[in-house]
Structure formats: C-alpha cells, structure tokens
mmCIF file of all heavy atoms, coordinates in Angstrom:
data_MODEL
# 
_entry.id   MODEL 
# 
loop_
_atom_site.group_PDB 
_atom_site.id 
_atom_site.type_symbol 
_atom_site.label_atom_id 
_atom_site.label_alt_id 
_atom_site.label_comp_id 
_atom_site.label_asym_id 
_atom_site.label_entity_id 
_atom_site.label_seq_id 
_atom_site.pdbx_PDB_ins_code 
_atom_site.Cartn_x 
_atom_site.Cartn_y 
_atom_site.Cartn_z 
_atom_site.occupancy 
_atom_site.B_iso_or_equiv 
_atom_site.pdbx_formal_charge 
_atom_site.auth_seq_id 
_atom_site.auth_comp_id 
_atom_site.auth_asym_id 
_atom_site.auth_atom_id 
_atom_site.pdbx_PDB_model_num 
ATOM 1   N N   . ALA A 1 1  ? 56.299 96.194 152.780 1.00 0.00 ? 1  ALA A N   1 
ATOM 2   C CA  . ALA A 1 1  ? 56.490 96.497 151.366 1.00 0.00 ? 1  ALA A CA  1 
ATOM 3   C C   . ALA A 1 1  ? 57.979 96.796 151.092 1.00 0.00 ? 1  ALA A C   1 
ATOM 4   O O   . ALA A 1 1  ? 58.556 96.442 150.041 1.00 0.00 ? 1  ALA A O   1 
ATOM 5   C CB  . ALA A 1 1  ? 55.652 97.649 150.924 1.00 0.00 ? 1  ALA A CB  1 
ATOM 6   N N   . ALA A 1 2  ? 58.628 97.514 152.004 1.00 0.00 ? 2  ALA A N   1 
ATOM 7   C CA  . ALA A 1 2  ? 60.040 97.920 151.835 1.00 0.00 ? 2  ALA A CA  1 
ATOM 8   C C   . ALA A 1 2  ? 60.996 96.762 152.053 1.00 0.00 ? 2  ALA A C   1 
ATOM 9   O O   . ALA A 1 2  ? 62.080 96.742 151.448 1.00 0.00 ? 2  ALA A O   1 
ATOM 10  C CB  . ALA A 1 2  ? 60.353 99.086 152.755 1.00 0.00 ? 2  ALA A CB  1 
ATOM 11  N N   . HIS A 1 3  ? 60.659 95.834 152.929 1.00 0.00 ? 3  HIS A N   1 
ATOM 12  C CA  . HIS A 1 3  ? 61.655 94.812 153.343 1.00 0.00 ? 3  HIS A CA  1 
ATOM 13  C C   . HIS A 1 3  ? 61.039 93.408 153.228 1.00 0.00 ? 3  HIS A C   1 
ATOM 14  O O   . HIS A 1 3  ? 61.542 92.484 153.957 1.00 0.00 ? 3  HIS A O   1 
ATOM 15  C CB  . HIS A 1 3  ? 62.101 95.077 154.780 1.00 0.00 ? 3  HIS A CB  1 
ATOM 16  C CG  . HIS A 1 3  ? 62.778 96.385 154.989 1.00 0.00 ? 3  HIS A CG  1 
ATOM 17  N ND1 . HIS A 1 3  ? 64.054 96.644 154.543 1.00 0.00 ? 3  HIS A ND1 1 
ATOM 18  C CD2 . HIS A 1 3  ? 62.343 97.552 155.562 1.00 0.00 ? 3  HIS A CD2 1 
ATOM 19  C CE1 . HIS A 1 3  ? 64.402 97.877 154.880 1.00 0.00 ? 3  HIS A CE1 1 
ATOM 20  N NE2 . HIS A 1 3  ? 63.359 98.464 155.471 1.00 0.00 ? 3  HIS A NE2 1 
ATOM 21  N N   . GLY A 1 4  ? 60.084 93.230 152.375 1.00 0.00 ? 4  GLY A N   1 
ATOM 22  C CA  . GLY A 1 4  ? 59.419 91.921 152.305 1.00 0.00 ? 4  GLY A CA  1 
ATOM 23  C C   . GLY A 1 4  ? 60.344 90.755 152.010 1.00 0.00 ? 4  GLY A C   1 
ATOM 24  O O   . GLY A 1 4  ? 60.264 89.701 152.687 1.00 0.00 ? 4  GLY A O   1 
ATOM 25  N N   . ALA A 1 5  ? 61.298 90.942 151.103 1.00 0.00 ? 5  ALA A N   1 
ATOM 26  C CA  . ALA A 1 5  ? 62.200 89.833 150.715 1.00 0.00 ? 5  ALA A CA  1 
ATOM 27  C C   . ALA A 1 5  ? 63.094 89.489 151.920 1.00 0.00 ? 5  ALA A C   1 
ATOM 28  O O   . ALA A 1 5  ? 63.325 88.282 152.185 1.00 0.00 ? 5  ALA A O   1 
ATOM 29  C CB  . ALA A 1 5  ? 63.027 90.202 149.531 1.00 0.00 ? 5  ALA A CB  1 
ATOM 30  N N   . ARG A 1 6  ? 63.612 90.479 152.601 1.00 0.00 ? 6  ARG A N   1 
ATOM 31  C CA  . ARG A 1 6  ? 64.472 90.222 153.779 1.00 0.00 ? 6  ARG A CA  1 
ATOM 32  C C   . ARG A 1 6  ? 63.697 89.550 154.897 1.00 0.00 ? 6  ARG A C   1 
ATOM 33  O O   . ARG A 1 6  ? 64.192 88.631 155.552 1.00 0.00 ? 6  ARG A O   1 
ATOM 34  C CB  . ARG A 1 6  ? 65.060 91.560 154.237 1.00 0.00 ? 6  ARG A CB  1 
ATOM 35  C CG  . ARG A 1 6  ? 66.128 91.384 155.310 1.00 0.00 ? 6  ARG A CG  1 
ATOM 36  C CD  . ARG A 1 6  ? 67.447 90.921 154.712 1.00 0.00 ? 6  ARG A CD  1 
ATOM 37  N NE  . ARG A 1 6  ? 68.477 90.780 155.744 1.00 0.00 ? 6  ARG A NE  1 
ATOM 38  C CZ  . ARG A 1 6  ? 68.802 89.623 156.297 1.00 0.00 ? 6  ARG A CZ  1 
ATOM 39  N NH1 . ARG A 1 6  ? 68.203 88.498 155.901 1.00 0.00 ? 6  ARG A NH1 1 
ATOM 40  N NH2 . ARG A 1 6  ? 69.730 89.570 157.215 1.00 0.00 ? 6  ARG A NH2 1 
ATOM 41  N N   . LEU A 1 7  ? 62.478 90.008 155.109 1.00 0.00 ? 7  LEU A N   1 
ATOM 42  C CA  . LEU A 1 7  ? 61.634 89.429 156.168 1.00 0.00 ? 7  LEU A CA  1 
ATOM 43  C C   . LEU A 1 7  ? 61.355 87.976 155.818 1.00 0.00 ? 7  LEU A C   1 
ATOM 44  O O   . LEU A 1 7  ? 61.331 87.086 156.696 1.00 0.00 ? 7  LEU A O   1 
ATOM 45  C CB  . LEU A 1 7  ? 60.347 90.197 156.314 1.00 0.00 ? 7  LEU A CB  1 
ATOM 46  C CG  . LEU A 1 7  ? 60.482 91.574 156.976 1.00 0.00 ? 7  LEU A CG  1 
ATOM 47  C CD1 . LEU A 1 7  ? 59.269 92.425 156.638 1.00 0.00 ? 7  LEU A CD1 1 
ATOM 48  C CD2 . LEU A 1 7  ? 60.643 91.446 158.473 1.00 0.00 ? 7  LEU A CD2 1 
ATOM 49  N N   . ALA A 1 8  ? 61.074 87.667 154.553 1.00 0.00 ? 8  ALA A N   1 
ATOM 50  C CA  . ALA A 1 8  ? 60.769 86.320 154.144 1.00 0.00 ? 8  ALA A CA  1 
ATOM 51  C C   . ALA A 1 8  ? 61.973 85.409 154.330 1.00 0.00 ? 8  ALA A C   1 
ATOM 52  O O   . ALA A 1 8  ? 61.866 84.234 154.733 1.00 0.00 ? 8  ALA A O   1 
ATOM 53  C CB  . ALA A 1 8  ? 60.298 86.290 152.714 1.00 0.00 ? 8  ALA A CB  1 
ATOM 54  N N   . ALA A 1 9  ? 63.185 85.952 154.031 1.00 0.00 ? 9  ALA A N   1 
ATOM 55  C CA  . ALA A 1 9  ? 64.393 85.170 154.208 1.00 0.00 ? 9  ALA A CA  1 
ATOM 56  C C   . ALA A 1 9  ? 64.619 84.846 155.648 1.00 0.00 ? 9  ALA A C   1 
ATOM 57  O O   . ALA A 1 9  ? 65.010 83.666 155.981 1.00 0.00 ? 9  ALA A O   1 
ATOM 58  C CB  . ALA A 1 9  ? 65.594 85.938 153.607 1.00 0.00 ? 9  ALA A CB  1 
ATOM 59  N N   . ILE A 1 10 ? 64.464 85.819 156.534 1.00 0.00 ? 10 ILE A N   1 
ATOM 60  C CA  . ILE A 1 10 ? 64.647 85.573 157.964 1.00 0.00 ? 10 ILE A CA  1 
ATOM 61  C C   . ILE A 1 10 ? 63.607 84.565 158.465 1.00 0.00 ? 10 ILE A C   1 
ATOM 62  O O   . ILE A 1 10 ? 63.882 83.700 159.304 1.00 0.00 ? 10 ILE A O   1 
ATOM 63  C CB  . ILE A 1 10 ? 64.592 86.918 158.720 1.00 0.00 ? 10 ILE A CB  1 
ATOM 64  C CG1 . ILE A 1 10 ? 65.720 87.809 158.344 1.00 0.00 ? 10 ILE A CG1 1 
ATOM 65  C CG2 . ILE A 1 10 ? 64.586 86.673 160.256 1.00 0.00 ? 10 ILE A CG2 1 
ATOM 66  C CD1 . ILE A 1 10 ? 65.658 89.211 158.938 1.00 0.00 ? 10 ILE A CD1 1 
ATOM 67  N N   . TYR A 1 11 ? 62.368 84.723 158.003 1.00 0.00 ? 11 TYR A N   1 
ATOM 68  C CA  . TYR A 1 11 ? 61.294 83.834 158.392 1.00 0.00 ? 11 TYR A CA  1 
ATOM 69  C C   . TYR A 1 11 ? 61.701 82.351 158.137 1.00 0.00 ? 11 TYR A C   1 
ATOM 70  O O   . TYR A 1 11 ? 61.465 81.474 158.950 1.00 0.00 ? 11 TYR A O   1 
ATOM 71  C CB  . TYR A 1 11 ? 60.016 84.171 157.632 1.00 0.00 ? 11 TYR A CB  1 
ATOM 72  C CG  . TYR A 1 11 ? 58.836 83.300 157.872 1.00 0.00 ? 11 TYR A CG  1 
ATOM 73  C CD1 . TYR A 1 11 ? 58.018 83.499 159.017 1.00 0.00 ? 11 TYR A CD1 1 
ATOM 74  C CD2 . TYR A 1 11 ? 58.459 82.268 156.984 1.00 0.00 ? 11 TYR A CD2 1 
ATOM 75  C CE1 . TYR A 1 11 ? 56.942 82.701 159.265 1.00 0.00 ? 11 TYR A CE1 1 
ATOM 76  C CE2 . TYR A 1 11 ? 57.372 81.462 157.233 1.00 0.00 ? 11 TYR A CE2 1 
ATOM 77  C CZ  . TYR A 1 11 ? 56.588 81.679 158.380 1.00 0.00 ? 11 TYR A CZ  1 
ATOM 78  O OH  . TYR A 1 11 ? 55.529 80.887 158.636 1.00 0.00 ? 11 TYR A OH  1 
ATOM 79  N N   . GLU A 1 12 ? 62.316 82.122 156.950 1.00 0.00 ? 12 GLU A N   1 
ATOM 80  C CA  . GLU A 1 12 ? 62.710 80.744 156.611 1.00 0.00 ? 12 GLU A CA  1 
ATOM 81  C C   . GLU A 1 12 ? 63.953 80.327 157.433 1.00 0.00 ? 12 GLU A C   1 
ATOM 82  O O   . GLU A 1 12 ? 64.104 79.190 157.876 1.00 0.00 ? 12 GLU A O   1 
ATOM 83  C CB  . GLU A 1 12 ? 63.000 80.655 155.129 1.00 0.00 ? 12 GLU A CB  1 
ATOM 84  C CG  . GLU A 1 12 ? 61.776 80.729 154.270 1.00 0.00 ? 12 GLU A CG  1 
ATOM 85  C CD  . GLU A 1 12 ? 60.706 79.671 154.613 1.00 0.00 ? 12 GLU A CD  1 
ATOM 86  O OE1 . GLU A 1 12 ? 61.103 78.535 154.962 1.00 0.00 ? 12 GLU A OE1 1 
ATOM 87  O OE2 . GLU A 1 12 ? 59.508 79.990 154.554 1.00 0.00 ? 12 GLU A OE2 1 
ATOM 88  N N   . THR A 1 13 ? 64.860 81.293 157.634 1.00 0.00 ? 13 THR A N   1 
ATOM 89  C CA  . THR A 1 13 ? 66.100 80.961 158.362 1.00 0.00 ? 13 THR A CA  1 
ATOM 90  C C   . THR A 1 13 ? 65.774 80.564 159.809 1.00 0.00 ? 13 THR A C   1 
ATOM 91  O O   . THR A 1 13 ? 66.476 79.691 160.398 1.00 0.00 ? 13 THR A O   1 
ATOM 92  C CB  . THR A 1 13 ? 67.064 82.158 158.358 1.00 0.00 ? 13 THR A CB  1 
ATOM 93  O OG1 . THR A 1 13 ? 67.356 82.535 157.011 1.00 0.00 ? 13 THR A OG1 1 
ATOM 94  C CG2 . THR A 1 13 ? 68.364 81.831 159.118 1.00 0.00 ? 13 THR A CG2 1 
ATOM 95  N N   . MET A 1 14 ? 64.805 81.176 160.387 1.00 0.00 ? 14 MET A N   1 
ATOM 96  C CA  . MET A 1 14 ? 64.447 80.912 161.769 1.00 0.00 ? 14 MET A CA  1 
ATOM 97  C C   . MET A 1 14 ? 63.541 79.678 161.972 1.00 0.00 ? 14 MET A C   1 
ATOM 98  O O   . MET A 1 14 ? 63.189 79.347 163.089 1.00 0.00 ? 14 MET A O   1 
ATOM 99  C CB  . MET A 1 14 ? 63.764 82.149 162.368 1.00 0.00 ? 14 MET A CB  1 
ATOM 100 C CG  . MET A 1 14 ? 64.628 83.372 162.492 1.00 0.00 ? 14 MET A CG  1 
ATOM 101 S SD  . MET A 1 14 ? 66.035 83.161 163.617 1.00 0.00 ? 14 MET A SD  1 
ATOM 102 C CE  . MET A 1 14 ? 67.410 83.644 162.553 1.00 0.00 ? 14 MET A CE  1 
ATOM 103 N N   . ARG A 1 15 ? 63.182 79.044 160.881 1.00 0.00 ? 15 ARG A N   1 
ATOM 104 C CA  . ARG A 1 15 ? 62.345 77.836 160.959 1.00 0.00 ? 15 ARG A CA  1 
ATOM 105 C C   . ARG A 1 15 ? 63.152 76.764 161.691 1.00 0.00 ? 15 ARG A C   1 
ATOM 106 O O   . ARG A 1 15 ? 64.318 76.499 161.342 1.00 0.00 ? 15 ARG A O   1 
ATOM 107 C CB  . ARG A 1 15 ? 61.933 77.391 159.582 1.00 0.00 ? 15 ARG A CB  1 
ATOM 108 C CG  . ARG A 1 15 ? 60.931 76.196 159.581 1.00 0.00 ? 15 ARG A CG  1 
ATOM 109 C CD  . ARG A 1 15 ? 60.762 75.700 158.183 1.00 0.00 ? 15 ARG A CD  1 
ATOM 110 N NE  . ARG A 1 15 ? 60.221 76.679 157.283 1.00 0.00 ? 15 ARG A NE  1 
ATOM 111 C CZ  . ARG A 1 15 ? 58.915 76.900 157.113 1.00 0.00 ? 15 ARG A CZ  1 
ATOM 112 N NH1 . ARG A 1 15 ? 58.037 76.175 157.790 1.00 0.00 ? 15 ARG A NH1 1 
ATOM 113 N NH2 . ARG A 1 15 ? 58.507 77.846 156.279 1.00 0.00 ? 15 ARG A NH2 1 
ATOM 114 N N   . GLU A 1 16 ? 62.510 76.072 162.632 1.00 0.00 ? 16 GLU A N   1 
ATOM 115 C CA  . GLU A 1 16 ? 63.192 75.007 163.369 1.00 0.00 ? 16 GLU A CA  1 
ATOM 116 C C   . GLU A 1 16 ? 62.454 73.661 163.126 1.00 0.00 ? 16 GLU A C   1 
ATOM 117 O O   . GLU A 1 16 ? 61.243 73.562 163.274 1.00 0.00 ? 16 GLU A O   1 
ATOM 118 C CB  . GLU A 1 16 ? 63.211 75.282 164.855 1.00 0.00 ? 16 GLU A CB  1 
ATOM 119 C CG  . GLU A 1 16 ? 64.118 76.455 165.203 1.00 0.00 ? 16 GLU A CG  1 
ATOM 120 C CD  . GLU A 1 16 ? 64.432 76.505 166.732 1.00 0.00 ? 16 GLU A CD  1 
ATOM 121 O OE1 . GLU A 1 16 ? 63.481 76.422 167.506 1.00 0.00 ? 16 GLU A OE1 1 
ATOM 122 O OE2 . GLU A 1 16 ? 65.628 76.623 167.061 1.00 0.00 ? 16 GLU A OE2 1 
ATOM 123 N N   . ALA A 1 17 ? 63.206 72.658 162.729 1.00 0.00 ? 17 ALA A N   1 
ATOM 124 C CA  . ALA A 1 17 ? 62.671 71.327 162.521 1.00 0.00 ? 17 ALA A CA  1 
ATOM 125 C C   . ALA A 1 17 ? 62.872 70.513 163.787 1.00 0.00 ? 17 ALA A C   1 
ATOM 126 O O   . ALA A 1 17 ? 63.692 70.817 164.637 1.00 0.00 ? 17 ALA A O   1 
ATOM 127 C CB  . ALA A 1 17 ? 63.346 70.683 161.338 1.00 0.00 ? 17 ALA A CB  1 
ATOM 128 N N   . GLY A 1 18 ? 62.122 69.425 163.862 1.00 0.00 ? 18 GLY A N   1 
ATOM 129 C CA  . GLY A 1 18 ? 62.275 68.539 165.024 1.00 0.00 ? 18 GLY A CA  1 
ATOM 130 C C   . GLY A 1 18 ? 61.410 68.932 166.211 1.00 0.00 ? 18 GLY A C   1 
ATOM 131 O O   . GLY A 1 18 ? 60.510 69.778 166.096 1.00 0.00 ? 18 GLY A O   1 
ATOM 132 N N   . ASP A 1 19 ? 61.705 68.291 167.314 1.00 0.00 ? 19 ASP A N   1 
ATOM 133 C CA  . ASP A 1 19 ? 60.912 68.506 168.537 1.00 0.00 ? 19 ASP A CA  1 
ATOM 134 C C   . ASP A 1 19 ? 61.106 69.898 169.132 1.00 0.00 ? 19 ASP A C   1 
ATOM 135 O O   . ASP A 1 19 ? 62.121 70.548 168.897 1.00 0.00 ? 19 ASP A O   1 
ATOM 136 C CB  . ASP A 1 19 ? 61.248 67.424 169.575 1.00 0.00 ? 19 ASP A CB  1 
ATOM 137 C CG  . ASP A 1 19 ? 60.922 66.032 169.118 1.00 0.00 ? 19 ASP A CG  1 
ATOM 138 O OD1 . ASP A 1 19 ? 60.023 65.910 168.255 1.00 0.00 ? 19 ASP A OD1 1 
ATOM 139 O OD2 . ASP A 1 19 ? 61.594 65.082 169.559 1.00 0.00 ? 19 ASP A OD2 1 
ATOM 140 N N   . PHE A 1 20 ? 60.125 70.300 169.891 1.00 0.00 ? 20 PHE A N   1 
ATOM 141 C CA  . PHE A 1 20 ? 60.140 71.577 170.570 1.00 0.00 ? 20 PHE A CA  1 
ATOM 142 C C   . PHE A 1 20 ? 61.281 71.596 171.599 1.00 0.00 ? 20 PHE A C   1 
ATOM 143 O O   . PHE A 1 20 ? 61.502 70.627 172.297 1.00 0.00 ? 20 PHE A O   1 
ATOM 144 C CB  . PHE A 1 20 ? 58.806 71.829 171.293 1.00 0.00 ? 20 PHE A CB  1 
ATOM 145 C CG  . PHE A 1 20 ? 58.822 72.953 172.252 1.00 0.00 ? 20 PHE A CG  1 
ATOM 146 C CD1 . PHE A 1 20 ? 58.674 74.252 171.772 1.00 0.00 ? 20 PHE A CD1 1 
ATOM 147 C CD2 . PHE A 1 20 ? 58.936 72.800 173.600 1.00 0.00 ? 20 PHE A CD2 1 
ATOM 148 C CE1 . PHE A 1 20 ? 58.657 75.340 172.615 1.00 0.00 ? 20 PHE A CE1 1 
ATOM 149 C CE2 . PHE A 1 20 ? 58.963 73.872 174.469 1.00 0.00 ? 20 PHE A CE2 1 
ATOM 150 C CZ  . PHE A 1 20 ? 58.816 75.151 173.996 1.00 0.00 ? 20 PHE A CZ  1 
ATOM 151 N N   . ARG A 1 21 ? 61.994 72.737 171.599 1.00 0.00 ? 21 ARG A N   1 
ATOM 152 C CA  . ARG A 1 21 ? 63.081 72.905 172.576 1.00 0.00 ? 21 ARG A CA  1 
ATOM 153 C C   . ARG A 1 21 ? 62.798 74.161 173.368 1.00 0.00 ? 21 ARG A C   1 
ATOM 154 O O   . ARG A 1 21 ? 62.581 75.250 172.786 1.00 0.00 ? 21 ARG A O   1 
ATOM 155 C CB  . ARG A 1 21 ? 64.433 73.043 171.855 1.00 0.00 ? 21 ARG A CB  1 
ATOM 156 C CG  . ARG A 1 21 ? 64.870 71.714 171.158 1.00 0.00 ? 21 ARG A CG  1 
ATOM 157 C CD  . ARG A 1 21 ? 66.336 71.773 170.694 1.00 0.00 ? 21 ARG A CD  1 
ATOM 158 N NE  . ARG A 1 21 ? 66.584 72.791 169.738 1.00 0.00 ? 21 ARG A NE  1 
ATOM 159 C CZ  . ARG A 1 21 ? 66.428 72.617 168.435 1.00 0.00 ? 21 ARG A CZ  1 
ATOM 160 N NH1 . ARG A 1 21 ? 66.015 71.464 167.939 1.00 0.00 ? 21 ARG A NH1 1 
ATOM 161 N NH2 . ARG A 1 21 ? 66.685 73.602 167.573 1.00 0.00 ? 21 ARG A NH2 1 
ATOM 162 N N   . PRO A 1 22 ? 62.858 74.092 174.694 1.00 0.00 ? 22 PRO A N   1 
ATOM 163 C CA  . PRO A 1 22 ? 62.498 75.232 175.538 1.00 0.00 ? 22 PRO A CA  1 
ATOM 164 C C   . PRO A 1 22 ? 63.637 76.180 175.877 1.00 0.00 ? 22 PRO A C   1 
ATOM 165 O O   . PRO A 1 22 ? 63.469 77.094 176.672 1.00 0.00 ? 22 PRO A O   1 
ATOM 166 C CB  . PRO A 1 22 ? 61.945 74.587 176.791 1.00 0.00 ? 22 PRO A CB  1 
ATOM 167 C CG  . PRO A 1 22 ? 62.785 73.329 176.903 1.00 0.00 ? 22 PRO A CG  1 
ATOM 168 C CD  . PRO A 1 22 ? 63.022 72.871 175.510 1.00 0.00 ? 22 PRO A CD  1 
ATOM 169 N N   . ASP A 1 23 ? 64.788 75.980 175.294 1.00 0.00 ? 23 ASP A N   1 
ATOM 170 C CA  . ASP A 1 23 ? 65.945 76.800 175.621 1.00 0.00 ? 23 ASP A CA  1 
ATOM 171 C C   . ASP A 1 23 ? 65.794 78.239 175.086 1.00 0.00 ? 23 ASP A C   1 
ATOM 172 O O   . ASP A 1 23 ? 64.959 78.482 174.179 1.00 0.00 ? 23 ASP A O   1 
ATOM 173 C CB  . ASP A 1 23 ? 67.226 76.193 175.080 1.00 0.00 ? 23 ASP A CB  1 
ATOM 174 C CG  . ASP A 1 23 ? 67.199 76.030 173.581 1.00 0.00 ? 23 ASP A CG  1 
ATOM 175 O OD1 . ASP A 1 23 ? 66.669 75.026 173.129 1.00 0.00 ? 23 ASP A OD1 1 
ATOM 176 O OD2 . ASP A 1 23 ? 67.695 76.951 172.874 1.00 0.00 ? 23 ASP A OD2 1 
ATOM 177 N N   . ALA A 1 24 ? 66.573 79.167 175.611 1.00 0.00 ? 24 ALA A N   1 
ATOM 178 C CA  . ALA A 1 24 ? 66.405 80.578 175.278 1.00 0.00 ? 24 ALA A CA  1 
ATOM 179 C C   . ALA A 1 24 ? 66.686 80.820 173.815 1.00 0.00 ? 24 ALA A C   1 
ATOM 180 O O   . ALA A 1 24 ? 66.004 81.659 173.194 1.00 0.00 ? 24 ALA A O   1 
ATOM 181 C CB  . ALA A 1 24 ? 67.338 81.441 176.147 1.00 0.00 ? 24 ALA A CB  1 
ATOM 182 N N   . GLY A 1 25 ? 67.688 80.167 173.256 1.00 0.00 ? 25 GLY A N   1 
ATOM 183 C CA  . GLY A 1 25 ? 68.016 80.396 171.849 1.00 0.00 ? 25 GLY A CA  1 
ATOM 184 C C   . GLY A 1 25 ? 66.869 80.017 170.945 1.00 0.00 ? 25 GLY A C   1 
ATOM 185 O O   . GLY A 1 25 ? 66.537 80.774 169.993 1.00 0.00 ? 25 GLY A O   1 
ATOM 186 N N   . SER A 1 26 ? 66.251 78.896 171.212 1.00 0.00 ? 26 SER A N   1 
ATOM 187 C CA  . SER A 1 26 ? 65.134 78.412 170.392 1.00 0.00 ? 26 SER A CA  1 
ATOM 188 C C   . SER A 1 26 ? 63.917 79.352 170.548 1.00 0.00 ? 26 SER A C   1 
ATOM 189 O O   . SER A 1 26 ? 63.235 79.709 169.594 1.00 0.00 ? 26 SER A O   1 
ATOM 190 C CB  . SER A 1 26 ? 64.706 76.986 170.805 1.00 0.00 ? 26 SER A CB  1 
ATOM 191 O OG  . SER A 1 26 ? 65.765 76.114 170.547 1.00 0.00 ? 26 SER A OG  1 
ATOM 192 N N   . ALA A 1 27 ? 63.681 79.830 171.814 1.00 0.00 ? 27 ALA A N   1 
ATOM 193 C CA  . ALA A 1 27 ? 62.563 80.734 172.046 1.00 0.00 ? 27 ALA A CA  1 
ATOM 194 C C   . ALA A 1 27 ? 62.803 82.027 171.266 1.00 0.00 ? 27 ALA A C   1 
ATOM 195 O O   . ALA A 1 27 ? 61.842 82.606 170.730 1.00 0.00 ? 27 ALA A O   1 
ATOM 196 C CB  . ALA A 1 27 ? 62.485 80.999 173.543 1.00 0.00 ? 27 ALA A CB  1 
ATOM 197 N N   . GLY A 1 28 ? 64.056 82.512 171.230 1.00 0.00 ? 28 GLY A N   1 
ATOM 198 C CA  . GLY A 1 28 ? 64.342 83.754 170.477 1.00 0.00 ? 28 GLY A CA  1 
ATOM 199 C C   . GLY A 1 28 ? 64.097 83.571 168.995 1.00 0.00 ? 28 GLY A C   1 
ATOM 200 O O   . GLY A 1 28 ? 63.562 84.490 168.335 1.00 0.00 ? 28 GLY A O   1 
# 
C-alpha cells in the first residue's frame, strides 16, 4: 500500500524480453 507505484515501476523495469538467459545479472 505504501510503495505500490514504485513496486509496479520496478516490476516493469525488470521485465526481460527474448530468450531465457542463465547469467547472474538476468537471474537477479
């Protein structure tokens, strides 16, 4: 409730398109 907008923005920012990548950055 307190940080919903920020959480939603990060959720979209962390979205990855394309094929699965097993590297540490993608996993994070």
